[in-house]
Protein backbone atom coordinates (compact mmCIF):
# COMPACT_ATOMS: atom_id res chain seq x y z
CA MET A 1 -5.47 -5.27 -31.94
CA LYS A 2 -5.61 -1.83 -30.52
CA LYS A 3 -9.37 -1.99 -30.61
CA LEU A 4 -9.46 -5.24 -28.90
CA PHE A 5 -7.14 -3.92 -26.21
CA ALA A 6 -9.44 -0.79 -25.63
CA LEU A 7 -12.47 -2.90 -25.30
CA CYS A 8 -10.75 -5.30 -22.78
CA PHE A 9 -9.51 -2.12 -20.87
CA VAL A 10 -13.13 -0.72 -20.74
CA ALA A 11 -14.44 -4.02 -19.59
CA LEU A 12 -11.97 -4.24 -16.74
CA LEU A 13 -12.77 -0.65 -15.57
CA GLY A 14 -16.43 -1.82 -15.25
CA GLN A 15 -15.54 -4.49 -12.81
CA SER A 16 -12.76 -2.93 -10.93
CA ILE A 17 -12.90 -0.89 -7.80
CA LYS A 18 -12.83 2.83 -8.37
CA ALA A 19 -9.99 4.62 -6.69
CA HIS A 20 -11.12 6.38 -3.53
CA SER A 21 -10.03 9.62 -2.29
CA PRO A 22 -11.64 11.14 0.75
CA THR A 23 -14.47 13.74 0.42
CA TRP A 24 -16.58 15.39 2.98
CA THR A 25 -19.66 13.27 2.33
CA ASP A 26 -17.58 10.06 1.97
CA GLY A 27 -15.64 9.72 5.12
CA ILE A 28 -14.43 13.10 6.45
CA ALA A 29 -17.84 14.05 7.96
CA CYS A 30 -18.08 10.68 9.60
CA ILE A 31 -14.73 11.34 11.33
CA ILE A 32 -15.44 14.84 12.43
CA TYR A 33 -18.92 14.06 13.75
CA SER A 34 -17.65 11.04 15.59
CA HIS A 35 -14.55 12.60 17.28
CA CYS A 36 -14.69 16.38 17.11
CA SER A 37 -18.30 17.79 16.99
CA SER A 38 -19.08 16.74 20.59
CA CYS A 39 -17.06 19.65 21.77
CA HIS A 40 -16.96 21.71 18.53
CA ASN A 41 -20.69 22.72 18.34
CA SER A 42 -22.72 25.76 18.98
CA ASN A 43 -23.38 24.69 22.63
CA GLY A 44 -19.96 23.14 23.09
CA ILE A 45 -16.84 24.07 25.09
CA ALA A 46 -14.68 24.58 21.91
CA PRO A 47 -14.19 27.96 20.57
CA PHE A 48 -15.66 27.26 17.14
CA SER A 49 -18.25 24.82 15.67
CA LEU A 50 -17.47 21.80 13.42
CA THR A 51 -20.91 20.55 12.38
CA THR A 52 -21.17 21.60 8.76
CA TYR A 53 -18.96 21.41 5.67
CA ASP A 54 -18.37 25.07 5.58
CA GLU A 55 -17.31 25.23 9.18
CA VAL A 56 -14.81 22.41 8.80
CA TYR A 57 -13.56 23.88 5.44
CA ALA A 58 -12.87 27.19 7.09
CA ASN A 59 -10.73 25.35 9.81
CA ARG A 60 -9.26 22.76 7.63
CA PHE A 61 -5.64 23.72 7.86
CA SER A 62 -5.66 24.00 11.71
CA ILE A 63 -7.57 20.62 11.92
CA ALA A 64 -4.98 18.80 9.77
CA ALA A 65 -2.13 20.26 11.83
CA SER A 66 -3.85 19.37 15.14
CA VAL A 67 -4.59 15.74 14.13
CA GLN A 68 -1.12 15.21 12.78
CA ALA A 69 0.35 16.53 16.10
CA LYS A 70 -2.20 14.33 17.90
CA SER A 71 -3.16 17.19 20.07
CA MET A 72 -6.85 16.96 18.90
CA PRO A 73 -8.96 15.22 19.95
CA PRO A 74 -7.59 15.81 23.43
CA PHE A 75 -6.90 12.36 24.96
CA PRO A 76 -3.41 12.52 26.54
CA PRO A 77 -2.76 9.05 27.66
CA ASP A 78 -0.53 6.72 25.62
CA MET A 79 -2.38 3.36 25.05
CA SER A 80 0.53 1.31 23.59
CA LYS A 81 0.89 -0.64 26.66
CA GLN A 82 -2.50 -0.19 28.39
CA ARG A 83 -5.72 0.28 26.51
CA LEU A 84 -8.32 2.59 28.26
CA ALA A 85 -12.18 2.56 27.98
CA HIS A 86 -13.99 5.06 25.86
CA ALA A 87 -10.92 6.60 24.40
CA ASN A 88 -11.50 9.35 21.92
CA VAL A 89 -8.56 8.85 19.73
CA LEU A 90 -8.14 8.92 15.88
CA SER A 91 -6.67 5.89 14.17
CA GLN A 92 -3.61 6.59 11.90
CA HIS A 93 -6.08 5.78 8.94
CA GLU A 94 -8.37 8.55 10.09
CA ILE A 95 -5.53 10.94 10.45
CA ASP A 96 -4.22 10.14 7.00
CA GLU A 97 -7.75 10.70 5.54
CA ILE A 98 -8.10 14.18 7.01
CA VAL A 99 -4.64 15.20 5.87
CA ASP A 100 -5.17 13.77 2.38
CA TRP A 101 -8.58 15.58 2.22
CA VAL A 102 -7.00 18.95 3.14
CA ASN A 103 -4.18 18.50 0.68
CA ASN A 104 -6.56 17.59 -2.16
CA PHE A 105 -8.46 20.96 -1.65
CA ALA A 106 -11.08 19.50 0.74
CA PRO A 107 -13.79 18.36 -1.82
CA LEU A 108 -17.42 18.26 -0.75
CA GLY A 109 -18.28 14.96 -2.70
CA ASN A 110 -21.64 13.74 -3.72
CA VAL A 111 -24.39 15.96 -1.99
CA ALA A 112 -26.76 12.92 -2.20
CA ASP A 113 -24.55 11.12 0.27
CA MET A 114 -24.48 14.02 2.74
CA PRO A 115 -24.66 12.44 6.26
CA THR A 116 -27.07 13.88 8.74
CA PRO A 117 -25.15 16.29 11.21
CA PRO A 118 -25.30 15.72 14.87
CA VAL A 119 -27.55 17.84 17.05
CA TYR A 120 -26.24 18.88 20.50
CA PRO A 121 -28.98 20.45 22.61
CA ASN A 122 -27.83 22.45 25.61
CA GLY A 123 -29.09 19.68 27.97
CA TYR A 124 -28.08 16.51 29.90
CA GLU A 125 -27.73 12.92 29.22
CA LEU A 126 -28.60 11.32 32.57
CA GLN A 127 -32.27 11.54 32.41
CA ASN A 128 -33.40 9.77 35.63
CA ALA A 129 -31.13 11.33 38.18
CA ASP A 130 -31.98 10.87 41.81
CA VAL A 131 -30.18 14.15 42.70
CA VAL A 132 -29.62 17.34 40.79
CA LEU A 133 -27.46 19.90 42.33
CA ARG A 134 -27.16 23.22 40.69
CA MET A 135 -24.75 25.98 41.71
CA PRO A 136 -26.13 29.43 42.05
CA ASN A 137 -25.75 31.94 39.10
CA TYR A 138 -22.17 33.11 39.03
CA THR A 139 -20.99 36.05 36.97
CA VAL A 140 -17.51 35.45 35.79
CA ASN A 141 -15.08 38.31 35.36
CA THR A 142 -11.52 37.20 35.26
CA VAL A 143 -8.33 38.11 33.41
CA ASN A 144 -6.45 35.03 34.50
CA ASP A 145 -7.48 31.34 35.00
CA LEU A 146 -10.13 31.22 37.79
CA TYR A 147 -10.85 28.10 39.89
CA ARG A 148 -14.21 28.46 41.86
CA VAL A 149 -15.48 26.08 44.33
CA PHE A 150 -19.32 25.91 44.96
CA VAL A 151 -20.62 24.13 48.02
CA LEU A 152 -23.79 22.15 47.21
CA PRO A 153 -25.58 20.20 50.00
CA VAL A 154 -26.71 16.70 48.90
CA GLY A 155 -29.48 16.51 51.48
CA ASN A 156 -28.92 12.77 52.13
CA THR A 157 -29.73 11.66 55.66
CA GLY A 158 -28.22 8.15 55.09
CA THR A 159 -25.41 6.68 53.15
CA GLN A 160 -25.87 6.49 49.45
CA TYR A 161 -23.72 5.05 46.57
CA ILE A 162 -23.20 6.80 43.29
CA SER A 163 -23.52 4.49 40.22
CA GLU A 164 -23.59 7.28 37.58
CA ILE A 165 -22.53 10.98 37.69
CA GLU A 166 -22.80 13.73 35.12
CA VAL A 167 -21.52 17.31 35.16
CA VAL A 168 -23.67 19.66 32.91
CA PRO A 169 -22.01 23.06 32.31
CA GLY A 170 -24.36 25.83 32.58
CA ASN A 171 -22.39 27.91 30.14
CA ARG A 172 -20.28 25.71 27.81
CA ASP A 173 -18.43 28.74 26.35
CA ILE A 174 -16.64 29.27 29.70
CA VAL A 175 -16.54 26.02 31.68
CA HIS A 176 -13.19 24.51 30.79
CA HIS A 177 -13.31 21.61 33.41
CA ALA A 178 -14.51 20.65 36.69
CA LEU A 179 -13.72 18.39 39.71
CA VAL A 180 -16.38 16.96 41.98
CA TYR A 181 -15.38 16.31 45.62
CA GLN A 182 -17.36 15.46 48.69
CA ASP A 183 -16.89 16.97 52.12
CA ASN A 184 -19.02 16.80 55.28
CA SER A 185 -16.88 19.24 57.36
CA GLN A 186 -17.61 22.80 58.07
CA VAL A 187 -14.40 24.12 56.34
CA PRO A 188 -15.80 24.53 52.90
CA VAL A 189 -19.05 26.28 54.27
CA ASN A 190 -16.96 28.68 56.17
CA LEU A 191 -14.60 29.43 53.21
CA ASP A 192 -17.78 30.10 51.09
CA ALA A 193 -19.25 32.34 53.75
CA ASN A 194 -16.08 34.40 53.88
CA ASP A 195 -15.83 35.00 50.16
CA PRO A 196 -18.02 37.47 48.43
CA GLY A 197 -20.56 36.03 45.90
CA PRO A 198 -21.38 32.38 45.39
CA GLY A 199 -18.52 29.92 46.11
CA TYR A 200 -14.85 30.71 46.94
CA THR A 201 -11.60 30.68 44.99
CA ALA A 202 -9.34 27.67 45.33
CA PHE A 203 -6.64 26.38 42.92
CA GLY A 204 -5.58 22.74 42.74
CA GLY A 205 -7.90 21.50 45.50
CA THR A 206 -10.74 22.80 47.78
CA ASN A 207 -8.44 24.15 50.60
CA SER A 208 -10.04 21.67 52.95
CA GLN A 209 -8.19 18.60 54.11
CA ASN A 210 -11.54 16.70 54.55
CA SER A 211 -12.33 16.72 50.95
CA THR A 212 -12.21 13.56 48.89
CA LEU A 213 -12.31 13.47 45.06
CA LEU A 214 -15.33 11.78 43.43
CA TRP A 215 -14.86 12.60 39.75
CA GLY A 216 -13.50 14.84 37.17
CA TYR A 217 -15.25 16.42 34.14
CA THR A 218 -13.45 17.35 30.98
CA PRO A 219 -15.03 18.78 27.71
CA GLY A 220 -16.77 16.10 25.74
CA GLN A 221 -17.15 13.87 28.78
CA LYS A 222 -20.81 12.58 29.22
CA VAL A 223 -22.17 10.43 32.02
CA PHE A 224 -19.52 8.59 33.87
CA LYS A 225 -20.77 5.11 34.77
CA TYR A 226 -18.81 3.16 37.31
CA ALA A 227 -17.91 -0.51 36.63
CA PRO A 228 -21.02 -2.68 36.94
CA GLY A 229 -21.60 -3.75 40.54
CA PHE A 230 -19.50 -0.98 42.01
CA GLY A 231 -20.41 2.43 43.40
CA VAL A 232 -18.84 5.40 45.26
CA LYS A 233 -19.92 5.94 48.75
CA LEU A 234 -21.62 9.41 49.69
CA GLU A 235 -21.48 10.00 53.43
CA PRO A 236 -24.75 11.15 55.33
CA ASN A 237 -25.25 14.80 55.20
CA THR A 238 -22.37 15.45 53.01
CA ASN A 239 -21.68 18.39 50.63
CA ILE A 240 -20.58 18.16 47.02
CA LEU A 241 -17.85 20.66 46.28
CA LEU A 242 -17.90 21.52 42.58
CA GLN A 243 -14.70 23.19 41.53
CA VAL A 244 -15.07 24.91 38.05
CA HIS A 245 -12.18 26.09 35.96
CA TYR A 246 -12.97 29.25 34.09
CA PRO A 247 -10.18 30.21 31.56
CA GLY A 248 -8.89 33.85 31.59
CA GLY A 249 -10.27 36.60 29.50
CA ILE A 250 -13.97 36.21 30.45
CA SER A 251 -16.18 39.29 31.06
CA ASN A 252 -19.69 39.37 32.45
CA GLN A 253 -20.62 35.76 31.57
CA VAL A 254 -22.96 33.88 33.76
CA ASP A 255 -22.69 30.23 34.63
CA SER A 256 -24.87 27.76 36.62
CA THR A 257 -23.25 24.36 36.24
CA SER A 258 -25.05 21.41 37.71
CA VAL A 259 -24.19 17.97 38.94
CA ARG A 260 -26.54 14.98 38.31
CA ILE A 261 -26.26 11.81 40.31
CA LYS A 262 -27.90 8.47 40.04
CA TYR A 263 -27.81 6.21 43.06
CA ALA A 264 -27.24 2.33 42.75
CA SER A 265 -30.40 0.47 43.03
CA ALA A 266 -28.96 -2.07 45.38
CA THR A 267 -25.98 -1.85 47.74
CA PRO A 268 -22.90 -2.20 45.45
CA ARG A 269 -19.39 -2.97 46.25
CA GLU A 270 -17.73 0.20 47.46
CA LEU A 271 -15.23 1.93 45.25
CA ALA A 272 -12.77 4.10 47.16
CA VAL A 273 -11.34 7.16 45.39
CA LEU A 274 -7.76 7.25 46.80
CA PRO A 275 -4.69 9.21 46.11
CA VAL A 276 -2.49 6.15 46.20
CA ILE A 277 0.43 7.98 44.77
CA ASN A 278 0.92 11.34 46.55
CA HIS A 279 3.51 13.83 47.28
CA VAL A 280 3.11 13.56 51.05
CA THR A 281 3.74 9.91 51.91
CA THR A 282 4.92 8.02 48.82
CA LEU A 283 7.82 10.11 47.32
CA THR A 284 11.22 8.22 47.36
CA ASN A 285 13.22 11.19 46.55
CA GLY A 286 11.21 13.95 48.26
CA PRO A 287 10.23 16.42 49.26
CA LEU A 288 8.42 17.76 46.13
CA PHE A 289 10.75 20.64 45.34
CA ILE A 290 11.87 21.75 41.86
CA PRO A 291 14.55 24.48 41.99
CA ALA A 292 14.32 27.30 39.35
CA ASN A 293 15.93 26.55 36.14
CA THR A 294 15.92 22.75 36.40
CA VAL A 295 14.16 19.72 35.00
CA LYS A 296 13.39 17.21 37.76
CA THR A 297 12.04 13.69 37.88
CA MET A 298 10.20 12.72 41.04
CA TYR A 299 9.63 9.11 41.96
CA ALA A 300 7.00 7.51 44.32
CA GLU A 301 6.24 3.95 45.37
CA PHE A 302 3.42 2.30 47.26
CA GLN A 303 3.27 -1.25 48.42
CA VAL A 304 -0.32 -2.81 48.05
CA PRO A 305 -1.10 -4.61 51.33
CA SER A 306 -3.76 -6.92 49.91
CA ASP A 307 -5.35 -8.02 46.63
CA VAL A 308 -7.24 -5.12 45.08
CA THR A 309 -9.39 -4.42 42.08
CA VAL A 310 -8.72 -1.11 40.20
CA THR A 311 -11.26 0.30 37.83
CA SER A 312 -9.92 3.64 36.90
CA VAL A 313 -7.17 6.25 37.34
CA MET A 314 -6.63 9.92 37.47
CA PRO A 315 -3.27 11.59 37.58
CA HIS A 316 -2.96 15.13 38.80
CA MET A 317 -0.23 17.79 38.56
CA HIS A 318 -0.08 21.52 38.02
CA LEU A 319 1.46 23.70 35.37
CA ILE A 320 5.34 22.77 35.23
CA GLY A 321 4.54 19.05 35.05
CA THR A 322 5.47 17.62 31.68
CA SER A 323 4.80 13.84 32.01
CA ILE A 324 3.64 11.28 34.46
CA LYS A 325 3.18 7.47 34.52
CA ALA A 326 2.48 4.62 36.84
CA TYR A 327 2.84 0.89 36.73
CA ALA A 328 2.78 -1.95 39.28
CA LEU A 329 5.34 -4.78 39.81
CA THR A 330 3.93 -7.89 41.26
CA PRO A 331 5.81 -10.17 43.57
CA THR A 332 6.65 -12.34 40.49
CA GLN A 333 7.98 -9.16 38.82
CA ASP A 334 5.30 -9.00 36.29
CA THR A 335 4.48 -5.52 35.06
CA ILE A 336 0.88 -4.13 35.24
CA HIS A 337 0.80 -0.96 33.11
CA LEU A 338 -1.67 1.52 34.78
CA ILE A 339 -1.34 5.11 33.12
CA ASP A 340 1.36 6.95 30.95
CA ILE A 341 0.74 10.53 30.00
CA PRO A 342 3.94 11.45 28.00
CA GLN A 343 2.86 15.04 27.47
CA TRP A 344 1.03 16.34 30.50
CA ASP A 345 -1.45 19.17 29.96
CA PHE A 346 -3.12 20.59 33.05
CA HIS A 347 -6.05 21.70 31.01
CA TRP A 348 -6.96 18.07 29.98
CA GLN A 349 -7.44 16.06 33.05
CA GLY A 350 -9.75 13.08 33.65
CA PHE A 351 -10.65 9.85 35.14
CA TYR A 352 -9.55 7.03 32.79
CA GLN A 353 -11.34 3.74 33.09
CA PHE A 354 -9.98 0.35 32.11
CA PRO A 355 -11.86 -1.85 29.81
CA LYS A 356 -11.93 -4.50 32.41
CA PRO A 357 -10.92 -3.92 36.10
CA LEU A 358 -7.42 -4.85 36.88
CA ARG A 359 -6.27 -7.10 39.72
CA ILE A 360 -3.26 -6.03 41.66
CA PRO A 361 -1.93 -8.71 43.92
CA ALA A 362 -0.93 -8.22 47.47
CA ASN A 363 2.57 -7.00 48.06
CA SER A 364 2.83 -5.60 44.58
CA VAL A 365 4.52 -2.07 44.37
CA VAL A 366 3.01 0.69 42.49
CA HIS A 367 5.72 2.80 40.97
CA ALA A 368 5.13 6.36 39.56
CA GLU A 369 7.38 8.81 37.80
CA ALA A 370 6.66 12.51 37.19
CA VAL A 371 8.85 14.91 35.25
CA TYR A 372 8.83 18.74 36.00
CA ASP A 373 10.22 21.39 33.77
CA ASN A 374 10.88 24.54 35.82
CA THR A 375 12.78 26.43 33.11
CA SER A 376 11.92 29.20 30.65
CA ASN A 377 11.62 26.44 27.92
CA ASN A 378 8.40 25.31 29.45
CA PRO A 379 5.63 27.54 27.86
CA TYR A 380 3.24 26.76 30.85
CA ASN A 381 5.72 27.94 33.54
CA PRO A 382 3.68 30.49 35.46
CA ASN A 383 6.84 32.41 36.52
CA ASN A 384 9.09 34.49 34.33
CA PRO A 385 11.78 34.19 35.28
CA PRO A 386 11.37 30.66 36.81
CA GLN A 387 11.11 30.50 40.69
CA ASN A 388 11.58 27.71 43.07
CA VAL A 389 8.54 25.47 43.29
CA SER A 390 7.33 23.31 46.15
CA ALA A 391 4.24 21.31 46.99
CA GLY A 392 1.07 23.21 47.66
CA GLU A 393 -2.44 24.33 46.41
CA GLY A 394 -1.50 27.53 44.92
CA THR A 395 -1.19 28.48 41.16
CA GLU A 396 2.57 28.59 41.41
CA ASP A 397 2.87 25.32 43.57
CA GLU A 398 2.91 21.76 42.41
CA MET A 399 1.45 18.37 43.10
CA MET A 400 2.16 14.71 42.32
CA LEU A 401 -1.15 12.72 42.68
CA ILE A 402 -2.53 9.69 41.07
CA TYR A 403 -6.14 8.84 42.23
CA PHE A 404 -7.35 5.20 41.83
CA ASN A 405 -10.96 3.80 42.04
CA VAL A 406 -10.07 0.79 44.21
CA SER A 407 -11.97 -2.00 45.84
CA ASN A 408 -11.08 -5.26 47.76
CA TYR A 409 -10.52 -7.94 44.96
CA PHE A 410 -13.13 -10.70 44.45
CA PRO A 411 -12.57 -13.61 42.05
CA GLY A 412 -14.19 -12.79 38.63
CA ASP A 413 -13.55 -9.05 38.91
CA THR A 414 -11.19 -9.04 35.94
CA ASN A 415 -14.06 -10.45 33.70
CA ILE A 416 -16.41 -7.52 34.33
CA ILE A 417 -16.83 -5.66 31.03
CA VAL A 418 -16.64 -1.87 31.04
CA ASP A 419 -15.86 -1.35 27.35
CA THR A 420 -15.15 -3.88 24.52
CA VAL A 421 -14.92 -1.50 21.55
CA SER A 422 -11.35 -0.94 20.38
CA HIS A 423 -12.31 2.34 18.58
CA LEU A 424 -14.92 4.95 19.88
CA PRO A 425 -18.24 4.12 18.23
CA HIS A 426 -18.97 6.44 15.32
CA HIS A 427 -21.91 8.83 14.92
CA PRO A 428 -25.11 7.38 13.69
CA SER A 429 -24.61 9.01 10.32
CA CYS A 430 -21.83 6.45 9.73
CA TYR A 431 -23.28 3.33 8.10
CA ALA A 432 -20.92 0.72 9.42
CA LEU A 433 -21.28 1.05 13.18
CA THR A 434 -25.11 1.64 13.28
CA GLY A 435 -26.43 -1.05 11.11
CA LEU A 436 -29.71 -0.30 9.12
CA SER A 437 -32.13 2.34 10.29
CA GLU A 438 -35.85 1.75 10.29
CA THR A 439 -36.13 4.16 7.28
CA GLU A 440 -33.68 2.21 5.01
CA LYS A 441 -34.80 -0.45 2.82
CA THR A 442 -32.93 -3.76 3.50
CA GLY A 443 -33.77 -4.92 -0.01
CA ALA A 444 -35.11 -8.45 0.43
CA MET A 445 -35.34 -8.70 -3.38
CA LEU A 446 -31.54 -8.19 -3.57
CA ARG A 447 -28.85 -10.48 -2.07
CA PHE A 448 -25.16 -11.20 -2.50
CA TYR A 449 -24.03 -14.74 -3.21
CA PRO A 450 -21.90 -16.28 -2.07
CA ASN A 451 -22.15 -14.65 1.19
CA PRO A 452 -19.65 -15.04 2.95
CA SER A 453 -17.17 -14.79 0.16
CA SER A 454 -13.39 -14.40 -0.35
CA TYR A 455 -12.88 -13.62 -4.03
CA GLU A 456 -15.99 -12.36 -5.93
CA VAL A 457 -19.70 -11.93 -5.35
CA ARG A 458 -22.80 -11.35 -7.49
CA LEU A 459 -25.96 -9.43 -6.81
CA ALA A 460 -29.03 -11.65 -7.11
CA GLY A 461 -32.39 -10.02 -8.02
CA LEU A 462 -30.95 -6.99 -9.79
CA ASN A 463 -33.06 -5.87 -12.93
CA GLN A 464 -31.47 -2.51 -13.71
CA ASP A 465 -28.19 -0.72 -13.65
CA ALA A 466 -26.93 0.17 -10.16
CA THR A 467 -24.03 1.54 -8.24
CA VAL A 468 -22.77 -0.56 -5.30
CA ARG A 469 -20.73 1.19 -2.58
CA LEU A 470 -19.21 -0.88 0.36
CA PHE A 471 -18.44 0.66 3.67
CA ASP A 472 -15.97 -0.97 6.22
CA GLN A 473 -16.60 -0.98 9.98
CA ARG A 474 -15.10 2.47 10.41
CA GLY A 475 -17.71 3.95 8.00
CA LYS A 476 -15.18 4.24 5.27
CA THR A 477 -15.75 3.54 1.63
CA ALA A 478 -13.98 0.31 0.85
CA GLY A 479 -14.94 0.21 -2.99
CA ILE A 480 -17.53 1.42 -5.56
CA TRP A 481 -18.77 -0.73 -8.39
CA SER A 482 -21.03 -0.01 -11.49
CA VAL A 483 -23.04 -3.03 -12.11
CA SER A 484 -25.95 -4.25 -14.24
CA SER A 485 -28.34 -7.18 -14.43
CA GLU A 486 -26.15 -8.87 -16.99
CA ALA A 487 -22.66 -7.96 -15.52
CA ASN A 488 -23.24 -7.90 -11.78
CA LEU A 489 -19.87 -9.41 -10.63
CA LEU A 490 -18.04 -7.67 -7.85
CA LYS A 491 -14.37 -8.44 -7.47
CA VAL A 492 -13.43 -8.30 -3.67
CA GLN A 493 -10.29 -10.28 -3.45
CA ASN A 494 -8.27 -7.10 -2.54
CA LEU A 495 -10.42 -6.33 0.46
CA SER A 496 -9.57 -7.28 4.06
CA SER A 497 -11.79 -9.84 5.85
CA GLY A 498 -14.59 -8.64 7.89
CA LEU A 499 -18.14 -7.19 7.99
CA TYR A 500 -19.13 -4.69 5.29
CA TYR A 501 -22.29 -2.69 4.53
CA ALA A 502 -23.44 -2.14 0.97
CA GLN A 503 -25.42 0.75 -0.33
CA ILE A 504 -27.08 -0.25 -3.52
CA ARG A 505 -28.24 2.76 -5.48
CA LEU A 506 -30.46 1.72 -8.43
CA LYS A 507 -30.78 3.67 -11.69
CA ASP A 508 -34.27 4.80 -10.79
CA GLY A 509 -32.99 6.33 -7.56
CA THR A 510 -34.10 3.52 -5.12
CA VAL A 511 -31.54 2.84 -2.48
CA TYR A 512 -31.16 -0.48 -0.66
CA TYR A 513 -28.70 -1.71 1.93
CA GLN A 514 -27.25 -5.13 2.49
CA LYS A 515 -24.58 -6.75 4.61
CA LEU A 516 -21.61 -8.73 3.08
CA VAL A 517 -19.12 -10.87 5.03
CA LEU A 518 -15.67 -11.27 3.44
CA GLN A 519 -13.39 -14.19 4.62
C-alpha cells in the first residue's frame, strides 16, 4: 500500500505545477528593467545603476524598502479615481515579488534564462526633430539647489505648433528636472545679459510675467507626444526658456541640456497651457499666506465658461506643500476627477496625460485643495525655525498652480486614444508583452490542443522530454511542467483566464515558443 501511494505521489508531481518563488532570471529582472533601469543606469539621473544582478543585489534592501513605501518608482499621483497615461507604477504583485525575492536571499535563478539587459546610450529618442535647441556649456558649482534659466531663440519667423517635445539632459548625473517655457519679450534676454555666465538664476518660474509654460521634464521621461490632432502654439520669433534644476553639492560639472521639438505636419487644434487654478485669481480663502508653525489648507475654484477638452494636467507648489488635488463638479453635480497627489514632492513634478481627453461641460466648477505644512515637522521646510510664507517666486515662497492642456471641445474628443495600456509596457526581455522575436523558433511542429482550453492541454508533436514554462502577460512565470511524448498533459485549471506564452525547452537544448489561451 505504501509503495502504491509513493508511485501515485510521484506521478502527481510529474503533472503538477512546480511551486514558484521569484528569482532574478525569472521575474525580478523583468520588473527592474521595466520600471527602474531607465533612471538607474550608467547614463541615468539616479545615483546608482540597476542593470545587472550584482548591482541590484547590492541595493536589494533599499529597493525592497522603497517599493514597499511606494516612493519608487517616483510617480506621485493617486490613480484610484482617475487613471493617468503612461504611468510608471508597480502593481501590488510586483511589489510582493521584489519583497519575497529579497526576503528569500535574492537568488539568481537559472543562468540559461538570463534576460538581455537594457542599453541606455547617452542620446535622444526624438530622431526627426525640426528644431534642436542646445544651451551653452554651463559649469555647475553649487552647495544648494540651483535653478538656472537658459534663453534659447527658436528662430521661427511664423507660427508653429509643437506635436512632440523632448528634453535631453547633457549631464544626467546633475540634471534633476527641467521646465520648458516660451517667452517673446525682452525680459529674459535682459536677465540673462545681467547675470554672469550662461543663463540666469530663478526659482519657481522665470522671473518674467510674459512666460508661458510648455512642458516639464522629470527623470525617466522620454518624448512627450500631445494627444493626436492637438498641438501647442509657438509664437513667431519666440524664445524657449529652459529652467534646469541642479541639486546641491555639485562641483565643477558641465551641462549642456537640449530641447528637441517636432512640429505638427498640418495645422492641429491648439492646446493652450493655462494655469486654470492659481493663487492670484482663483483662491477662495486667499491670499496665499501660511503663518509659521501652522498647517493650512488653501482652496480654489474656477468656473468653466464653455465646453472644453482637457488632455493633461500639471500641479505646481514649492517646498512646504504636502498635498494637492483637483476635481470638477458639473452642473448636474457629477464629479470629474482630475489629479490627486496625496504626498507632494517638489522634486518629482510633471505633466500627467489622461488615457483619453476629458470633456468638462460649460458652467462646471473646477475645485482644488492644497495643504501646506509650515512647521518643523515638515522635513522639506526651508526655514528652521519656520517663518511666515506667502506667494512668490523665491525659494522660501510658495505657489498654488495647476496647469491644464485645454482646447475647445469638439464631439468625439473623448474617443481620442492617448494610452490604452493599464500597466506600463515591460522591457523587451520580458516574454509576455513582446510576443516572439525573429530569432525565436515558433515551433510549428509543436502545438497545444485544445487551444483555447480551460482545464488541461496536451502538446502535440513532442518526441522527447521537455520542460514547459508558461509566462503570463506581466512576464511572470505562471507554471512549470516536466513532460514527455507519452505523458504530455498539462493541468491548467488553477490558472486565470487570458493569454500566456509558453517556452518549450527540449531535452536536446532546442527552445520553442508558443501561445496558449485559457478561458
